[in-house]
Amino acid sequence: MPNIKSARKRVRQTVKRTARNRVRKEKLKKAVRAYRGILAAGDPAAAGEGLKKVSAAIDKAKGKGIIHKNAARRRISRLARAANRLTAAKQ
């Protein structure tokens, strides 16, 4: 444990932020997991709606600094590609 007052404060802030970020990251993971379940079900209409929700969750995490902006774009792109493959397979 640090002895300097400002260092003690930094430790307290880090603990708070780590806990907050852990919750946000878990929400993101749950959203992606739920969307992958929709994709596995094979319903193109639900996949389109789900993509909007999951991309919003990813963008929110990007805005909060949970994931890097390029990682966010890559994840959305991969999920959209999966939805497009599902739609193309159903036609």
PDB file of N, CA and C in Angstrom:
ATOM      1  N   MET A   1       0.846  -1.179   0.000  1.00  0.00           N
ATOM      2  CA  MET A   1       0.000   0.000   0.000  1.00  0.00           C
ATOM      3  C   MET A   1       0.889   1.239   0.000  1.00  0.00           C
ATOM      4  N   PRO A   2       0.569   2.202  -0.843  1.00  0.00           N
ATOM      5  CA  PRO A   2       1.403   3.408  -0.920  1.00  0.00           C
ATOM      6  C   PRO A   2       1.261   4.288   0.327  1.00  0.00           C
ATOM      7  N   ASN A   3       2.285   5.066   0.565  1.00  0.00           N
ATOM      8  CA  ASN A   3       2.295   5.951   1.728  1.00  0.00           C
ATOM      9  C   ASN A   3       1.899   7.378   1.381  1.00  0.00           C
ATOM     10  N   ILE A   4       2.119   7.772   0.151  1.00  0.00           N
ATOM     11  CA  ILE A   4       1.827   9.139  -0.264  1.00  0.00           C
ATOM     12  C   ILE A   4       0.327   9.281  -0.514  1.00  0.00           C
ATOM     13  N   LYS A   5      -0.216  10.397  -0.078  1.00  0.00           N
ATOM     14  CA  LYS A   5      -1.663  10.611  -0.149  1.00  0.00           C
ATOM     15  C   LYS A   5      -2.195  10.514  -1.580  1.00  0.00           C
ATOM     16  N   SER A   6      -1.509  11.132  -2.508  1.00  0.00           N
ATOM     17  CA  SER A   6      -1.980  11.113  -3.897  1.00  0.00           C
ATOM     18  C   SER A   6      -1.907   9.699  -4.475  1.00  0.00           C
ATOM     19  N   ALA A   7      -0.911   8.939  -4.074  1.00  0.00           N
ATOM     20  CA  ALA A   7      -0.786   7.561  -4.554  1.00  0.00           C
ATOM     21  C   ALA A   7      -1.905   6.681  -3.991  1.00  0.00           C
ATOM     22  N   ARG A   8      -2.287   6.938  -2.727  1.00  0.00           N
ATOM     23  CA  ARG A   8      -3.406   6.192  -2.136  1.00  0.00           C
ATOM     24  C   ARG A   8      -4.701   6.483  -2.898  1.00  0.00           C
ATOM     25  N   LYS A   9      -4.861   7.756  -3.261  1.00  0.00           N
ATOM     26  CA  LYS A   9      -6.052   8.149  -4.027  1.00  0.00           C
ATOM     27  C   LYS A   9      -6.051   7.459  -5.390  1.00  0.00           C
ATOM     28  N   ARG A  10      -4.913   7.390  -6.027  1.00  0.00           N
ATOM     29  CA  ARG A  10      -4.822   6.734  -7.344  1.00  0.00           C
ATOM     30  C   ARG A  10      -5.208   5.257  -7.227  1.00  0.00           C
ATOM     31  N   VAL A  11      -4.809   4.615  -6.142  1.00  0.00           N
ATOM     32  CA  VAL A  11      -5.166   3.212  -5.930  1.00  0.00           C
ATOM     33  C   VAL A  11      -6.682   3.083  -5.793  1.00  0.00           C
ATOM     34  N   ARG A  12      -7.293   3.989  -5.005  1.00  0.00           N
ATOM     35  CA  ARG A  12      -8.748   3.946  -4.839  1.00  0.00           C
ATOM     36  C   ARG A  12      -9.465   4.155  -6.174  1.00  0.00           C
ATOM     37  N   GLN A  13      -8.981   5.098  -6.954  1.00  0.00           N
ATOM     38  CA  GLN A  13      -9.595   5.374  -8.252  1.00  0.00           C
ATOM     39  C   GLN A  13      -9.446   4.181  -9.194  1.00  0.00           C
ATOM     40  N   THR A  14      -8.284   3.566  -9.176  1.00  0.00           N
ATOM     41  CA  THR A  14      -8.036   2.418 -10.043  1.00  0.00           C
ATOM     42  C   THR A  14      -8.951   1.259  -9.696  1.00  0.00           C
ATOM     43  N   VAL A  15      -9.155   1.028  -8.416  1.00  0.00           N
ATOM     44  CA  VAL A  15     -10.044  -0.058  -7.986  1.00  0.00           C
ATOM     45  C   VAL A  15     -11.465   0.202  -8.487  1.00  0.00           C
ATOM     46  N   LYS A  16     -11.947   1.435  -8.330  1.00  0.00           N
ATOM     47  CA  LYS A  16     -13.291   1.798  -8.783  1.00  0.00           C
ATOM     48  C   LYS A  16     -13.427   1.625 -10.289  1.00  0.00           C
ATOM     49  N   ARG A  17     -12.455   2.150 -11.009  1.00  0.00           N
ATOM     50  CA  ARG A  17     -12.523   2.104 -12.476  1.00  0.00           C
ATOM     51  C   ARG A  17     -12.428   0.686 -12.995  1.00  0.00           C
ATOM     52  N   THR A  18     -11.597  -0.116 -12.355  1.00  0.00           N
ATOM     53  CA  THR A  18     -11.450  -1.510 -12.777  1.00  0.00           C
ATOM     54  C   THR A  18     -12.777  -2.247 -12.599  1.00  0.00           C
ATOM     55  N   ALA A  19     -13.430  -2.016 -11.474  1.00  0.00           N
ATOM     56  CA  ALA A  19     -14.721  -2.665 -11.228  1.00  0.00           C
ATOM     57  C   ALA A  19     -15.755  -2.208 -12.247  1.00  0.00           C
ATOM     58  N   ARG A  20     -15.784  -0.916 -12.532  1.00  0.00           N
ATOM     59  CA  ARG A  20     -16.744  -0.363 -13.494  1.00  0.00           C
ATOM     60  C   ARG A  20     -16.490  -0.926 -14.890  1.00  0.00           C
ATOM     61  N   ASN A  21     -15.228  -0.978 -15.281  1.00  0.00           N
ATOM     62  CA  ASN A  21     -14.881  -1.491 -16.612  1.00  0.00           C
ATOM     63  C   ASN A  21     -15.169  -2.982 -16.722  1.00  0.00           C
ATOM     64  N   ARG A  22     -15.000  -3.712 -15.642  1.00  0.00           N
ATOM     65  CA  ARG A  22     -15.277  -5.152 -15.665  1.00  0.00           C
ATOM     66  C   ARG A  22     -16.758  -5.396 -15.959  1.00  0.00           C
ATOM     67  N   VAL A  23     -17.623  -4.586 -15.328  1.00  0.00           N
ATOM     68  CA  VAL A  23     -19.066  -4.702 -15.554  1.00  0.00           C
ATOM     69  C   VAL A  23     -19.398  -4.371 -17.009  1.00  0.00           C
ATOM     70  N   ARG A  24     -18.813  -3.307 -17.508  1.00  0.00           N
ATOM     71  CA  ARG A  24     -19.090  -2.895 -18.892  1.00  0.00           C
ATOM     72  C   ARG A  24     -18.611  -3.940 -19.889  1.00  0.00           C
ATOM     73  N   LYS A  25     -17.451  -4.509 -19.633  1.00  0.00           N
ATOM     74  CA  LYS A  25     -16.902  -5.525 -20.533  1.00  0.00           C
ATOM     75  C   LYS A  25     -17.778  -6.775 -20.519  1.00  0.00           C
ATOM     76  N   GLU A  26     -18.300  -7.111 -19.358  1.00  0.00           N
ATOM     77  CA  GLU A  26     -19.166  -8.285 -19.230  1.00  0.00           C
ATOM     78  C   GLU A  26     -20.480  -8.056 -19.975  1.00  0.00           C
ATOM     79  N   LYS A  27     -21.025  -6.835 -19.916  1.00  0.00           N
ATOM     80  CA  LYS A  27     -22.234  -6.511 -20.674  1.00  0.00           C
ATOM     81  C   LYS A  27     -21.992  -6.680 -22.167  1.00  0.00           C
ATOM     82  N   LEU A  28     -20.840  -6.228 -22.604  1.00  0.00           N
ATOM     83  CA  LEU A  28     -20.485  -6.351 -24.022  1.00  0.00           C
ATOM     84  C   LEU A  28     -20.409  -7.820 -24.424  1.00  0.00           C
ATOM     85  N   LYS A  29     -19.758  -8.625 -23.604  1.00  0.00           N
ATOM     86  CA  LYS A  29     -19.621 -10.049 -23.903  1.00  0.00           C
ATOM     87  C   LYS A  29     -20.990 -10.726 -23.961  1.00  0.00           C
ATOM     88  N   LYS A  30     -21.882 -10.359 -23.041  1.00  0.00           N
ATOM     89  CA  LYS A  30     -23.219 -10.946 -23.020  1.00  0.00           C
ATOM     90  C   LYS A  30     -23.997 -10.574 -24.275  1.00  0.00           C
ATOM     91  N   ALA A  31     -23.861  -9.332 -24.730  1.00  0.00           N
ATOM     92  CA  ALA A  31     -24.556  -8.886 -25.937  1.00  0.00           C
ATOM     93  C   ALA A  31     -24.072  -9.659 -27.155  1.00  0.00           C
ATOM     94  N   VAL A  32     -22.768  -9.849 -27.263  1.00  0.00           N
ATOM     95  CA  VAL A  32     -22.201 -10.582 -28.400  1.00  0.00           C
ATOM     96  C   VAL A  32     -22.615 -12.044 -28.325  1.00  0.00           C
ATOM     97  N   ARG A  33     -22.601 -12.606 -27.130  1.00  0.00           N
ATOM     98  CA  ARG A  33     -23.001 -14.004 -26.945  1.00  0.00           C
ATOM     99  C   ARG A  33     -24.462 -14.207 -27.354  1.00  0.00           C
ATOM    100  N   ALA A  34     -25.318 -13.273 -26.958  1.00  0.00           N
ATOM    101  CA  ALA A  34     -26.742 -13.356 -27.304  1.00  0.00           C
ATOM    102  C   ALA A  34     -26.927 -13.265 -28.816  1.00  0.00           C
ATOM    103  N   TYR A  35     -26.159 -12.391 -29.450  1.00  0.00           N
ATOM    104  CA  TYR A  35     -26.264 -12.245 -30.907  1.00  0.00           C
ATOM    105  C   TYR A  35     -25.782 -13.507 -31.617  1.00  0.00           C
ATOM    106  N   ARG A  36     -24.736 -14.103 -31.119  1.00  0.00           N
ATOM    107  CA  ARG A  36     -24.265 -15.360 -31.728  1.00  0.00           C
ATOM    108  C   ARG A  36     -25.325 -16.457 -31.586  1.00  0.00           C
ATOM    109  N   GLY A  37     -26.096 -16.416 -30.519  1.00  0.00           N
ATOM    110  CA  GLY A  37     -27.212 -17.349 -30.346  1.00  0.00           C
ATOM    111  C   GLY A  37     -28.288 -17.120 -31.397  1.00  0.00           C
ATOM    112  N   ILE A  38     -28.562 -15.846 -31.700  1.00  0.00           N
ATOM    113  CA  ILE A  38     -29.527 -15.512 -32.744  1.00  0.00           C
ATOM    114  C   ILE A  38     -29.035 -16.033 -34.092  1.00  0.00           C
ATOM    115  N   LEU A  39     -27.748 -15.847 -34.356  1.00  0.00           N
ATOM    116  CA  LEU A  39     -27.177 -16.340 -35.615  1.00  0.00           C
ATOM    117  C   LEU A  39     -27.284 -17.861 -35.703  1.00  0.00           C
ATOM    118  N   ALA A  40     -27.043 -18.522 -34.589  1.00  0.00           N
ATOM    119  CA  ALA A  40     -27.111 -19.987 -34.568  1.00  0.00           C
ATOM    120  C   ALA A  40     -28.530 -20.476 -34.819  1.00  0.00           C
ATOM    121  N   ALA A  41     -29.531 -19.680 -34.383  1.00  0.00           N
ATOM    122  CA  ALA A  41     -30.934 -20.055 -34.603  1.00  0.00           C
ATOM    123  C   ALA A  41     -31.281 -20.012 -36.086  1.00  0.00           C
ATOM    124  N   GLY A  42     -30.605 -19.155 -36.842  1.00  0.00           N
ATOM    125  CA  GLY A  42     -30.774 -19.123 -38.284  1.00  0.00           C
ATOM    126  C   GLY A  42     -31.914 -18.265 -38.789  1.00  0.00           C
ATOM    127  N   ASP A  43     -32.335 -17.252 -38.034  1.00  0.00           N
ATOM    128  CA  ASP A  43     -33.413 -16.364 -38.468  1.00  0.00           C
ATOM    129  C   ASP A  43     -32.817 -15.054 -38.995  1.00  0.00           C
ATOM    130  N   PRO A  44     -32.880 -14.825 -40.325  1.00  0.00           N
ATOM    131  CA  PRO A  44     -32.262 -13.612 -40.896  1.00  0.00           C
ATOM    132  C   PRO A  44     -32.884 -12.310 -40.393  1.00  0.00           C
ATOM    133  N   ALA A  45     -34.211 -12.285 -40.173  1.00  0.00           N
ATOM    134  CA  ALA A  45     -34.859 -11.054 -39.706  1.00  0.00           C
ATOM    135  C   ALA A  45     -34.387 -10.702 -38.297  1.00  0.00           C
ATOM    136  N   ALA A  46     -34.335 -11.700 -37.435  1.00  0.00           N
ATOM    137  CA  ALA A  46     -33.862 -11.462 -36.069  1.00  0.00           C
ATOM    138  C   ALA A  46     -32.385 -11.089 -36.062  1.00  0.00           C
ATOM    139  N   ALA A  47     -31.633 -11.650 -37.008  1.00  0.00           N
ATOM    140  CA  ALA A  47     -30.205 -11.332 -37.093  1.00  0.00           C
ATOM    141  C   ALA A  47     -29.996  -9.872 -37.452  1.00  0.00           C
ATOM    142  N   GLY A  48     -30.845  -9.335 -38.344  1.00  0.00           N
ATOM    143  CA  GLY A  48     -30.741  -7.925 -38.722  1.00  0.00           C
ATOM    144  C   GLY A  48     -31.020  -7.002 -37.554  1.00  0.00           C
ATOM    145  N   GLU A  49     -32.070  -7.310 -36.793  1.00  0.00           N
ATOM    146  CA  GLU A  49     -32.409  -6.503 -35.618  1.00  0.00           C
ATOM    147  C   GLU A  49     -31.347  -6.652 -34.530  1.00  0.00           C
ATOM    148  N   GLY A  50     -30.888  -7.871 -34.347  1.00  0.00           N
ATOM    149  CA  GLY A  50     -29.872  -8.119 -33.324  1.00  0.00           C
ATOM    150  C   GLY A  50     -28.564  -7.424 -33.632  1.00  0.00           C
ATOM    151  N   LEU A  51     -28.256  -7.320 -34.927  1.00  0.00           N
ATOM    152  CA  LEU A  51     -27.012  -6.658 -35.331  1.00  0.00           C
ATOM    153  C   LEU A  51     -27.021  -5.188 -34.918  1.00  0.00           C
ATOM    154  N   LYS A  52     -28.177  -4.549 -35.030  1.00  0.00           N
ATOM    155  CA  LYS A  52     -28.280  -3.143 -34.623  1.00  0.00           C
ATOM    156  C   LYS A  52     -27.984  -3.004 -33.131  1.00  0.00           C
ATOM    157  N   LYS A  53     -28.560  -3.915 -32.347  1.00  0.00           N
ATOM    158  CA  LYS A  53     -28.375  -3.844 -30.893  1.00  0.00           C
ATOM    159  C   LYS A  53     -26.934  -4.122 -30.493  1.00  0.00           C
ATOM    160  N   VAL A  54     -26.346  -5.170 -31.085  1.00  0.00           N
ATOM    161  CA  VAL A  54     -24.985  -5.535 -30.688  1.00  0.00           C
ATOM    162  C   VAL A  54     -23.977  -4.495 -31.176  1.00  0.00           C
ATOM    163  N   SER A  55     -24.218  -3.904 -32.345  1.00  0.00           N
ATOM    164  CA  SER A  55     -23.284  -2.877 -32.815  1.00  0.00           C
ATOM    165  C   SER A  55     -23.382  -1.629 -31.944  1.00  0.00           C
ATOM    166  N   ALA A  56     -24.579  -1.335 -31.436  1.00  0.00           N
ATOM    167  CA  ALA A  56     -24.723  -0.207 -30.514  1.00  0.00           C
ATOM    168  C   ALA A  56     -23.975  -0.482 -29.210  1.00  0.00           C
ATOM    169  N   ALA A  57     -24.050  -1.728 -28.741  1.00  0.00           N
ATOM    170  CA  ALA A  57     -23.339  -2.095 -27.509  1.00  0.00           C
ATOM    171  C   ALA A  57     -21.827  -1.996 -27.710  1.00  0.00           C
ATOM    172  N   ILE A  58     -21.369  -2.422 -28.876  1.00  0.00           N
ATOM    173  CA  ILE A  58     -19.930  -2.351 -29.170  1.00  0.00           C
ATOM    174  C   ILE A  58     -19.480  -0.900 -29.279  1.00  0.00           C
ATOM    175  N   ASP A  59     -20.276  -0.071 -29.952  1.00  0.00           N
ATOM    176  CA  ASP A  59     -19.923   1.345 -30.074  1.00  0.00           C
ATOM    177  C   ASP A  59     -19.902   2.042 -28.715  1.00  0.00           C
ATOM    178  N   LYS A  60     -20.819   1.652 -27.847  1.00  0.00           N
ATOM    179  CA  LYS A  60     -20.852   2.235 -26.509  1.00  0.00           C
ATOM    180  C   LYS A  60     -19.591   1.851 -25.736  1.00  0.00           C
ATOM    181  N   ALA A  61     -19.193   0.587 -25.857  1.00  0.00           N
ATOM    182  CA  ALA A  61     -17.968   0.142 -25.187  1.00  0.00           C
ATOM    183  C   ALA A  61     -16.754   0.867 -25.750  1.00  0.00           C
ATOM    184  N   LYS A  62     -16.767   1.106 -27.058  1.00  0.00           N
ATOM    185  CA  LYS A  62     -15.672   1.857 -27.689  1.00  0.00           C
ATOM    186  C   LYS A  62     -15.611   3.268 -27.129  1.00  0.00           C
ATOM    187  N   GLY A  63     -16.772   3.900 -26.993  1.00  0.00           N
ATOM    188  CA  GLY A  63     -16.831   5.264 -26.475  1.00  0.00           C
ATOM    189  C   GLY A  63     -16.357   5.370 -25.040  1.00  0.00           C
ATOM    190  N   LYS A  64     -16.586   4.323 -24.255  1.00  0.00           N
ATOM    191  CA  LYS A  64     -16.172   4.313 -22.859  1.00  0.00           C
ATOM    192  C   LYS A  64     -14.717   3.893 -22.694  1.00  0.00           C
ATOM    193  N   GLY A  65     -14.066   3.496 -23.785  1.00  0.00           N
ATOM    194  CA  GLY A  65     -12.666   3.107 -23.708  1.00  0.00           C
ATOM    195  C   GLY A  65     -12.450   1.667 -23.288  1.00  0.00           C
ATOM    196  N   ILE A  66     -13.491   0.848 -23.367  1.00  0.00           N
ATOM    197  CA  ILE A  66     -13.366  -0.554 -22.975  1.00  0.00           C
ATOM    198  C   ILE A  66     -12.592  -1.323 -24.037  1.00  0.00           C
ATOM    199  N   ILE A  67     -12.900  -1.026 -25.297  1.00  0.00           N
ATOM    200  CA  ILE A  67     -12.151  -1.643 -26.395  1.00  0.00           C
ATOM    201  C   ILE A  67     -11.671  -0.549 -27.341  1.00  0.00           C
ATOM    202  N   HIS A  68     -10.641  -0.842 -28.090  1.00  0.00           N
ATOM    203  CA  HIS A  68     -10.057   0.101 -29.030  1.00  0.00           C
ATOM    204  C   HIS A  68     -10.993   0.296 -30.210  1.00  0.00           C
ATOM    205  N   LYS A  69     -10.924   1.458 -30.848  1.00  0.00           N
ATOM    206  CA  LYS A  69     -11.852   1.757 -31.941  1.00  0.00           C
ATOM    207  C   LYS A  69     -11.693   0.786 -33.114  1.00  0.00           C
ATOM    208  N   ASN A  70     -10.470   0.381 -33.414  1.00  0.00           N
ATOM    209  CA  ASN A  70     -10.278  -0.563 -34.515  1.00  0.00           C
ATOM    210  C   ASN A  70     -10.808  -1.949 -34.150  1.00  0.00           C
ATOM    211  N   ALA A  71     -10.677  -2.327 -32.910  1.00  0.00           N
ATOM    212  CA  ALA A  71     -11.216  -3.611 -32.453  1.00  0.00           C
ATOM    213  C   ALA A  71     -12.733  -3.588 -32.545  1.00  0.00           C
ATOM    214  N   ALA A  72     -13.342  -2.450 -32.214  1.00  0.00           N
ATOM    215  CA  ALA A  72     -14.797  -2.314 -32.301  1.00  0.00           C
ATOM    216  C   ALA A  72     -15.254  -2.454 -33.754  1.00  0.00           C
ATOM    217  N   ARG A  73     -14.587  -1.775 -34.645  1.00  0.00           N
ATOM    218  CA  ARG A  73     -14.943  -1.855 -36.077  1.00  0.00           C
ATOM    219  C   ARG A  73     -14.778  -3.286 -36.590  1.00  0.00           C
ATOM    220  N   ARG A  74     -13.717  -3.933 -36.174  1.00  0.00           N
ATOM    221  CA  ARG A  74     -13.460  -5.311 -36.616  1.00  0.00           C
ATOM    222  C   ARG A  74     -14.544  -6.254 -36.116  1.00  0.00           C
ATOM    223  N   ARG A  75     -14.937  -6.102 -34.869  1.00  0.00           N
ATOM    224  CA  ARG A  75     -15.976  -6.976 -34.305  1.00  0.00           C
ATOM    225  C   ARG A  75     -17.306  -6.776 -35.014  1.00  0.00           C
ATOM    226  N   ILE A  76     -17.683  -5.520 -35.230  1.00  0.00           N
ATOM    227  CA  ILE A  76     -18.943  -5.244 -35.920  1.00  0.00           C
ATOM    228  C   ILE A  76     -18.896  -5.804 -37.333  1.00  0.00           C
ATOM    229  N   SER A  77     -17.766  -5.630 -37.993  1.00  0.00           N
ATOM    230  CA  SER A  77     -17.622  -6.128 -39.362  1.00  0.00           C
ATOM    231  C   SER A  77     -17.777  -7.637 -39.414  1.00  0.00           C
ATOM    232  N   ARG A  78     -17.169  -8.341 -38.497  1.00  0.00           N
ATOM    233  CA  ARG A  78     -17.258  -9.799 -38.488  1.00  0.00           C
ATOM    234  C   ARG A  78     -18.677 -10.277 -38.199  1.00  0.00           C
ATOM    235  N   LEU A  79     -19.349  -9.602 -37.281  1.00  0.00           N
ATOM    236  CA  LEU A  79     -20.722  -9.991 -36.963  1.00  0.00           C
ATOM    237  C   LEU A  79     -21.662  -9.686 -38.124  1.00  0.00           C
ATOM    238  N   ALA A  80     -21.437  -8.556 -38.802  1.00  0.00           N
ATOM    239  CA  ALA A  80     -22.251  -8.210 -39.967  1.00  0.00           C
ATOM    240  C   ALA A  80     -22.020  -9.208 -41.096  1.00  0.00           C
ATOM    241  N   ARG A  81     -20.775  -9.620 -41.262  1.00  0.00           N
ATOM    242  CA  ARG A  81     -20.459 -10.605 -42.303  1.00  0.00           C
ATOM    243  C   ARG A  81     -21.168 -11.926 -42.023  1.00  0.00           C
ATOM    244  N   ALA A  82     -21.222 -12.304 -40.761  1.00  0.00           N
ATOM    245  CA  ALA A  82     -21.916 -13.535 -40.381  1.00  0.00           C
ATOM    246  C   ALA A  82     -23.407 -13.412 -40.667  1.00  0.00           C
ATOM    247  N   ALA A  83     -23.986 -12.236 -40.399  1.00  0.00           N
ATOM    248  CA  ALA A  83     -25.406 -12.014 -40.683  1.00  0.00           C
ATOM    249  C   ALA A  83     -25.654 -12.059 -42.190  1.00  0.00           C
ATOM    250  N   ASN A  84     -24.748 -11.486 -42.966  1.00  0.00           N
ATOM    251  CA  ASN A  84     -24.890 -11.493 -44.424  1.00  0.00           C
ATOM    252  C   ASN A  84     -24.787 -12.914 -44.976  1.00  0.00           C
ATOM    253  N   ARG A  85     -23.905 -13.705 -44.417  1.00  0.00           N
ATOM    254  CA  ARG A  85     -23.795 -15.114 -44.861  1.00  0.00           C
ATOM    255  C   ARG A  85     -25.088 -15.870 -44.555  1.00  0.00           C
ATOM    256  N   LEU A  86     -25.679 -15.570 -43.405  1.00  0.00           N
ATOM    257  CA  LEU A  86     -26.928 -16.214 -43.025  1.00  0.00           C
ATOM    258  C   LEU A  86     -28.043 -15.828 -43.989  1.00  0.00           C
ATOM    259  N   THR A  87     -28.115 -14.542 -44.321  1.00  0.00           N
ATOM    260  CA  THR A  87     -29.140 -14.058 -45.240  1.00  0.00           C
ATOM    261  C   THR A  87     -28.953 -14.659 -46.633  1.00  0.00           C
ATOM    262  N   ALA A  88     -27.699 -14.733 -47.086  1.00  0.00           N
ATOM    263  CA  ALA A  88     -27.422 -15.285 -48.411  1.00  0.00           C
ATOM    264  C   ALA A  88     -27.742 -16.781 -48.456  1.00  0.00           C
ATOM    265  N   ALA A  89     -27.519 -17.482 -47.363  1.00  0.00           N
ATOM    266  CA  ALA A  89     -27.782 -18.914 -47.330  1.00  0.00           C
ATOM    267  C   ALA A  89     -29.283 -19.191 -47.366  1.00  0.00           C
ATOM    268  N   LYS A  90     -30.092 -18.291 -46.828  1.00  0.00           N
ATOM    269  CA  LYS A  90     -31.544 -18.497 -46.772  1.00  0.00           C
ATOM    270  C   LYS A  90     -32.215 -18.192 -48.109  1.00  0.00           C
ATOM    271  N   GLN A  91     -31.520 -17.506 -49.007  1.00  0.00           N
ATOM    272  CA  GLN A  91     -32.132 -17.135 -50.295  1.00  0.00           C
ATOM    273  C   GLN A  91     -32.003 -18.204 -51.343  1.00  0.00           C
TER     274      GLN A  91
END
